[in-house]
């Protein structure tokens, strides 16, 4: 199991990353997860519906910085999975030398598509979003589906919000984290949904019950529409408070 992180998703520039890193304490068992969004459309040169959150695909490598306190992940979503291994291979190159891995924002990708990247030393976080939760249908179904990825991923992030800023159901998340911890002890685990400096204290009970819990925030760290850019000051406040209460 790799170390836990406190995540911010939606970075667009290295200066934003460096500003948020500046809010970190000198010592912590937690890293800052630097999340950079990418999509299948962007990989094909098309513009998506969230231009304030998605960097130009060729500039991703310029966002990540060489800081040992950072876990640099590309958060990738695509509707076309016919050649997912090739897409991920291209993103490894586009991510540059400071890339640490991926978060896969897609419901239950074919495990066979992940076999090629599982042995490259990359961190692979599988996001369990709304569609994945619906498809699992039950806690036993969730356990069965997740079992297909044993040895292929490093972490699970339960995040029904998917960047919209909606809070998660604490009891549902607790049940799923319990399954991960009991049946897949080698996996890291985390939660996302509606987190910001105003709401972060709600994570305390889960963090106490599940030591090493990772968290991620996106939707509530943005400036208002239509700009929809990372609000660096809000991100710093969230990160500072999260490190204070989690480690």
Protein backbone atom coordinates (compact mmCIF):
# COMPACT_ATOMS: atom_id res chain seq x y z
CA UNK A 1 0.00 0.00 0.00
CA UNK A 2 1.34 3.41 -0.99
CA UNK A 3 1.16 6.44 1.29
CA UNK A 4 -2.06 8.42 1.75
CA UNK A 5 -2.69 11.78 0.13
CA UNK A 6 -4.76 14.92 0.34
CA UNK A 7 -5.86 15.69 -3.19
CA UNK A 8 -6.67 18.75 -5.23
CA UNK A 9 -7.94 18.11 -8.76
CA UNK A 10 -8.07 20.53 -11.65
CA UNK A 11 -4.63 22.14 -11.69
CA UNK A 12 -3.84 24.01 -14.89
CA UNK A 13 -0.35 25.46 -14.24
CA UNK A 14 2.77 24.61 -12.30
CA UNK A 15 2.51 27.94 -10.46
CA UNK A 16 -0.83 26.80 -9.01
CA UNK A 17 0.80 23.56 -7.85
CA UNK A 18 3.70 25.39 -6.25
CA UNK A 19 1.34 27.80 -4.47
CA UNK A 20 -0.66 24.95 -2.92
CA UNK A 21 2.49 23.04 -2.01
CA UNK A 22 3.51 26.14 -0.09
CA UNK A 23 0.60 25.54 2.30
CA UNK A 24 1.89 22.10 3.35
CA UNK A 25 3.50 21.51 6.74
CA UNK A 26 7.18 20.64 6.82
CA UNK A 27 6.55 17.06 7.88
CA UNK A 28 3.56 14.82 7.27
CA UNK A 29 2.79 11.23 6.36
CA UNK A 30 0.41 12.65 3.75
CA UNK A 31 1.37 13.84 0.27
CA UNK A 32 -0.41 16.38 -1.90
CA UNK A 33 -2.12 14.63 -4.79
CA UNK A 34 -1.81 16.91 -7.81
CA UNK A 35 -4.72 16.00 -10.07
CA UNK A 36 -4.65 17.05 -13.73
CA UNK A 37 -7.75 16.27 -15.76
CA UNK A 38 -7.61 14.72 -19.22
CA UNK A 39 -10.23 13.20 -21.50
CA UNK A 40 -10.48 11.03 -24.53
CA UNK A 41 -11.77 14.02 -26.51
CA UNK A 42 -8.75 16.08 -25.50
CA UNK A 43 -6.46 13.23 -26.52
CA UNK A 44 -8.04 13.46 -29.99
CA UNK A 45 -7.51 17.22 -30.11
CA UNK A 46 -11.10 18.21 -29.32
CA UNK A 47 -12.27 20.70 -26.70
CA UNK A 48 -14.44 19.39 -23.91
CA UNK A 49 -17.22 21.09 -21.94
CA UNK A 50 -14.96 22.05 -19.01
CA UNK A 51 -12.27 24.33 -20.51
CA UNK A 52 -11.51 25.85 -17.10
CA UNK A 53 -10.52 22.45 -15.71
CA UNK A 54 -8.81 20.69 -18.61
CA UNK A 55 -5.39 21.80 -19.75
CA UNK A 56 -4.32 21.53 -23.35
CA UNK A 57 -3.21 17.92 -23.65
CA UNK A 58 0.31 18.85 -24.74
CA UNK A 59 0.85 21.02 -21.67
CA UNK A 60 0.14 18.41 -19.01
CA UNK A 61 3.82 17.66 -18.52
CA UNK A 62 4.46 21.31 -17.70
CA UNK A 63 2.00 21.27 -14.78
CA UNK A 64 3.69 18.58 -12.71
CA UNK A 65 6.63 19.64 -10.56
CA UNK A 66 9.52 17.58 -9.14
CA UNK A 67 8.55 17.74 -5.47
CA UNK A 68 8.74 14.67 -3.26
CA UNK A 69 5.64 15.87 -1.40
CA UNK A 70 3.55 15.61 -4.57
CA UNK A 71 1.79 12.60 -6.11
CA UNK A 72 1.24 13.64 -9.72
CA UNK A 73 -1.76 11.92 -11.29
CA UNK A 74 -3.58 12.31 -14.59
CA UNK A 75 -7.31 11.88 -13.97
CA UNK A 76 -8.51 10.29 -17.17
CA UNK A 77 -12.04 9.82 -18.49
CA UNK A 78 -13.10 8.52 -21.86
CA UNK A 79 -16.26 7.18 -23.45
CA UNK A 80 -14.26 5.21 -26.02
CA UNK A 81 -12.44 2.30 -24.40
CA UNK A 82 -11.79 0.30 -27.55
CA UNK A 83 -8.08 1.05 -27.33
CA UNK A 84 -7.69 2.09 -23.70
CA UNK A 85 -4.19 0.59 -23.31
CA UNK A 86 -2.95 2.71 -26.23
CA UNK A 87 -4.60 5.81 -24.75
CA UNK A 88 -2.90 5.26 -21.40
CA UNK A 89 0.41 4.62 -23.12
CA UNK A 90 0.10 7.95 -24.95
CA UNK A 91 -0.74 9.69 -21.68
CA UNK A 92 2.34 8.26 -20.00
CA UNK A 93 4.39 10.10 -22.62
CA UNK A 94 2.29 13.27 -22.38
CA UNK A 95 2.54 13.24 -18.59
CA UNK A 96 6.30 13.66 -18.69
CA UNK A 97 9.00 12.46 -16.34
CA UNK A 98 7.30 13.64 -13.13
CA UNK A 99 4.09 11.66 -13.72
CA UNK A 100 3.37 9.20 -10.90
CA UNK A 101 0.24 7.55 -12.25
CA UNK A 102 -3.42 7.77 -13.13
CA UNK A 103 -6.84 8.08 -11.64
CA UNK A 104 -9.29 6.27 -13.91
CA UNK A 105 -12.58 8.18 -13.94
CA UNK A 106 -14.63 5.51 -15.65
CA UNK A 107 -17.02 2.85 -14.42
CA UNK A 108 -15.36 -0.54 -14.15
CA UNK A 109 -12.90 -0.53 -17.08
CA UNK A 110 -11.91 -3.89 -18.51
CA UNK A 111 -9.27 -5.29 -16.12
CA UNK A 112 -7.38 -6.73 -19.09
CA UNK A 113 -6.78 -3.18 -20.31
CA UNK A 114 -4.84 -2.40 -17.14
CA UNK A 115 -2.46 -5.33 -17.21
CA UNK A 116 0.09 -3.52 -19.35
CA UNK A 117 0.47 -0.57 -16.99
CA UNK A 118 0.35 -2.45 -13.71
CA UNK A 119 4.04 -3.28 -13.81
CA UNK A 120 5.47 0.15 -14.65
CA UNK A 121 5.60 1.40 -11.10
CA UNK A 122 2.64 3.72 -11.66
CA UNK A 123 0.03 4.51 -9.05
CA UNK A 124 -3.37 3.50 -10.43
CA UNK A 125 -6.40 4.88 -8.61
CA UNK A 126 -9.79 3.51 -9.64
CA UNK A 127 -12.53 6.06 -9.08
CA UNK A 128 -15.83 4.57 -7.98
CA UNK A 129 -18.28 7.19 -9.23
CA UNK A 130 -22.05 7.29 -9.55
CA UNK A 131 -22.25 4.91 -12.54
CA UNK A 132 -19.89 2.42 -10.92
CA UNK A 133 -21.94 2.48 -7.72
CA UNK A 134 -25.15 1.94 -9.66
CA UNK A 135 -23.67 -0.96 -11.59
CA UNK A 136 -22.40 -2.66 -8.44
CA UNK A 137 -26.03 -2.78 -7.18
CA UNK A 138 -25.12 -4.14 -3.75
CA UNK A 139 -22.20 -4.36 -1.32
CA UNK A 140 -21.56 -7.96 -2.38
CA UNK A 141 -21.66 -6.85 -6.01
CA UNK A 142 -19.20 -4.08 -5.21
CA UNK A 143 -16.82 -6.58 -3.61
CA UNK A 144 -17.10 -8.96 -6.58
CA UNK A 145 -16.47 -6.25 -9.18
CA UNK A 146 -13.55 -4.80 -7.25
CA UNK A 147 -11.98 -8.24 -6.92
CA UNK A 148 -11.30 -8.30 -10.66
CA UNK A 149 -8.76 -5.47 -10.19
CA UNK A 150 -6.77 -7.07 -7.41
CA UNK A 151 -3.10 -6.65 -8.33
CA UNK A 152 -3.90 -4.24 -11.18
CA UNK A 153 -4.67 -1.07 -9.23
CA UNK A 154 -3.09 0.51 -6.18
CA UNK A 155 -5.99 2.55 -4.77
CA UNK A 156 -9.76 2.94 -4.75
CA UNK A 157 -11.41 6.36 -4.51
CA UNK A 158 -15.11 6.34 -3.67
CA UNK A 159 -16.38 9.55 -5.24
CA UNK A 160 -20.03 9.72 -6.26
CA UNK A 161 -19.72 13.49 -6.79
CA UNK A 162 -17.38 13.25 -9.79
CA UNK A 163 -16.22 16.86 -9.49
CA UNK A 164 -19.67 18.40 -9.01
CA UNK A 165 -19.13 19.29 -5.35
CA UNK A 166 -21.99 17.14 -4.04
CA UNK A 167 -21.43 15.62 -0.57
CA UNK A 168 -21.15 11.86 -0.20
CA UNK A 169 -23.29 9.53 1.90
CA UNK A 170 -21.15 8.81 4.96
CA UNK A 171 -22.75 5.47 5.83
CA UNK A 172 -22.50 4.16 2.28
CA UNK A 173 -18.85 5.20 2.06
CA UNK A 174 -18.12 3.62 5.45
CA UNK A 175 -19.56 0.30 4.28
CA UNK A 176 -17.52 0.31 1.09
CA UNK A 177 -14.31 1.33 2.84
CA UNK A 178 -14.86 -1.55 5.25
CA UNK A 179 -15.05 -3.96 2.30
CA UNK A 180 -11.85 -2.60 0.80
CA UNK A 181 -9.99 -2.83 4.09
CA UNK A 182 -11.21 -6.35 4.89
CA UNK A 183 -10.99 -8.04 1.51
CA UNK A 184 -8.31 -6.00 -0.30
CA UNK A 185 -5.80 -5.01 2.40
CA UNK A 186 -3.09 -4.11 -0.11
CA UNK A 187 -5.20 -1.37 -1.69
CA UNK A 188 -5.07 2.25 -0.63
CA UNK A 189 -8.48 3.82 -0.18
CA UNK A 190 -9.97 7.27 -0.29
CA UNK A 191 -13.10 9.35 -0.60
CA UNK A 192 -14.16 12.46 -2.48
CA UNK A 193 -17.28 14.55 -2.76
CA UNK A 194 -18.15 18.05 -1.61
CA UNK A 195 -14.91 18.67 0.27
CA UNK A 196 -13.55 22.15 0.97
CA UNK A 197 -12.17 23.98 3.98
CA UNK A 198 -15.76 24.60 5.14
CA UNK A 199 -16.74 20.90 5.03
CA UNK A 200 -13.48 19.06 5.70
CA UNK A 201 -14.22 18.51 9.40
CA UNK A 202 -16.97 16.09 8.36
CA UNK A 203 -14.23 13.67 7.30
CA UNK A 204 -12.85 13.34 10.84
CA UNK A 205 -14.95 10.30 11.88
CA UNK A 206 -13.99 8.37 8.73
CA UNK A 207 -10.33 9.37 9.05
CA UNK A 208 -10.32 8.10 12.63
CA UNK A 209 -11.98 4.82 11.70
CA UNK A 210 -9.85 4.26 8.59
CA UNK A 211 -6.26 5.35 9.27
CA UNK A 212 -4.44 6.27 6.08
CA UNK A 213 -7.61 7.47 4.35
CA UNK A 214 -6.92 9.62 1.28
CA UNK A 215 -9.23 12.44 0.22
CA UNK A 216 -9.75 14.47 -2.93
CA UNK A 217 -11.50 17.76 -3.69
CA UNK A 218 -12.44 19.49 -6.92
CA UNK A 219 -15.89 21.04 -7.37
CA UNK A 220 -15.92 23.29 -4.31
CA UNK A 221 -12.45 24.63 -5.00
CA UNK A 222 -13.45 26.40 -8.22
CA UNK A 223 -14.23 30.00 -9.09
CA UNK A 224 -17.86 30.65 -10.19
CA UNK A 225 -19.11 29.77 -13.66
CA UNK A 226 -18.41 30.51 -16.43
CA UNK A 227 -14.73 30.92 -15.42
CA UNK A 228 -14.67 27.71 -13.37
CA UNK A 229 -10.96 27.82 -12.59
CA UNK A 230 -9.08 26.55 -9.58
CA UNK A 231 -9.39 29.03 -6.73
CA UNK A 232 -5.87 28.76 -5.37
CA UNK A 233 -6.67 30.48 -2.08
CA UNK A 234 -9.59 28.14 -1.41
CA UNK A 235 -7.39 25.19 -2.34
CA UNK A 236 -4.71 26.34 0.10
CA UNK A 237 -7.26 26.78 2.90
CA UNK A 238 -8.64 23.30 2.28
CA UNK A 239 -5.20 21.70 2.16
CA UNK A 240 -4.00 23.49 5.28
CA UNK A 241 -7.05 22.40 7.27
CA UNK A 242 -6.90 18.85 5.90
CA UNK A 243 -3.26 18.44 6.92
CA UNK A 244 -4.09 19.81 10.37
CA UNK A 245 -6.78 17.23 11.06
CA UNK A 246 -5.39 14.24 9.16
CA UNK A 247 -1.68 14.27 9.59
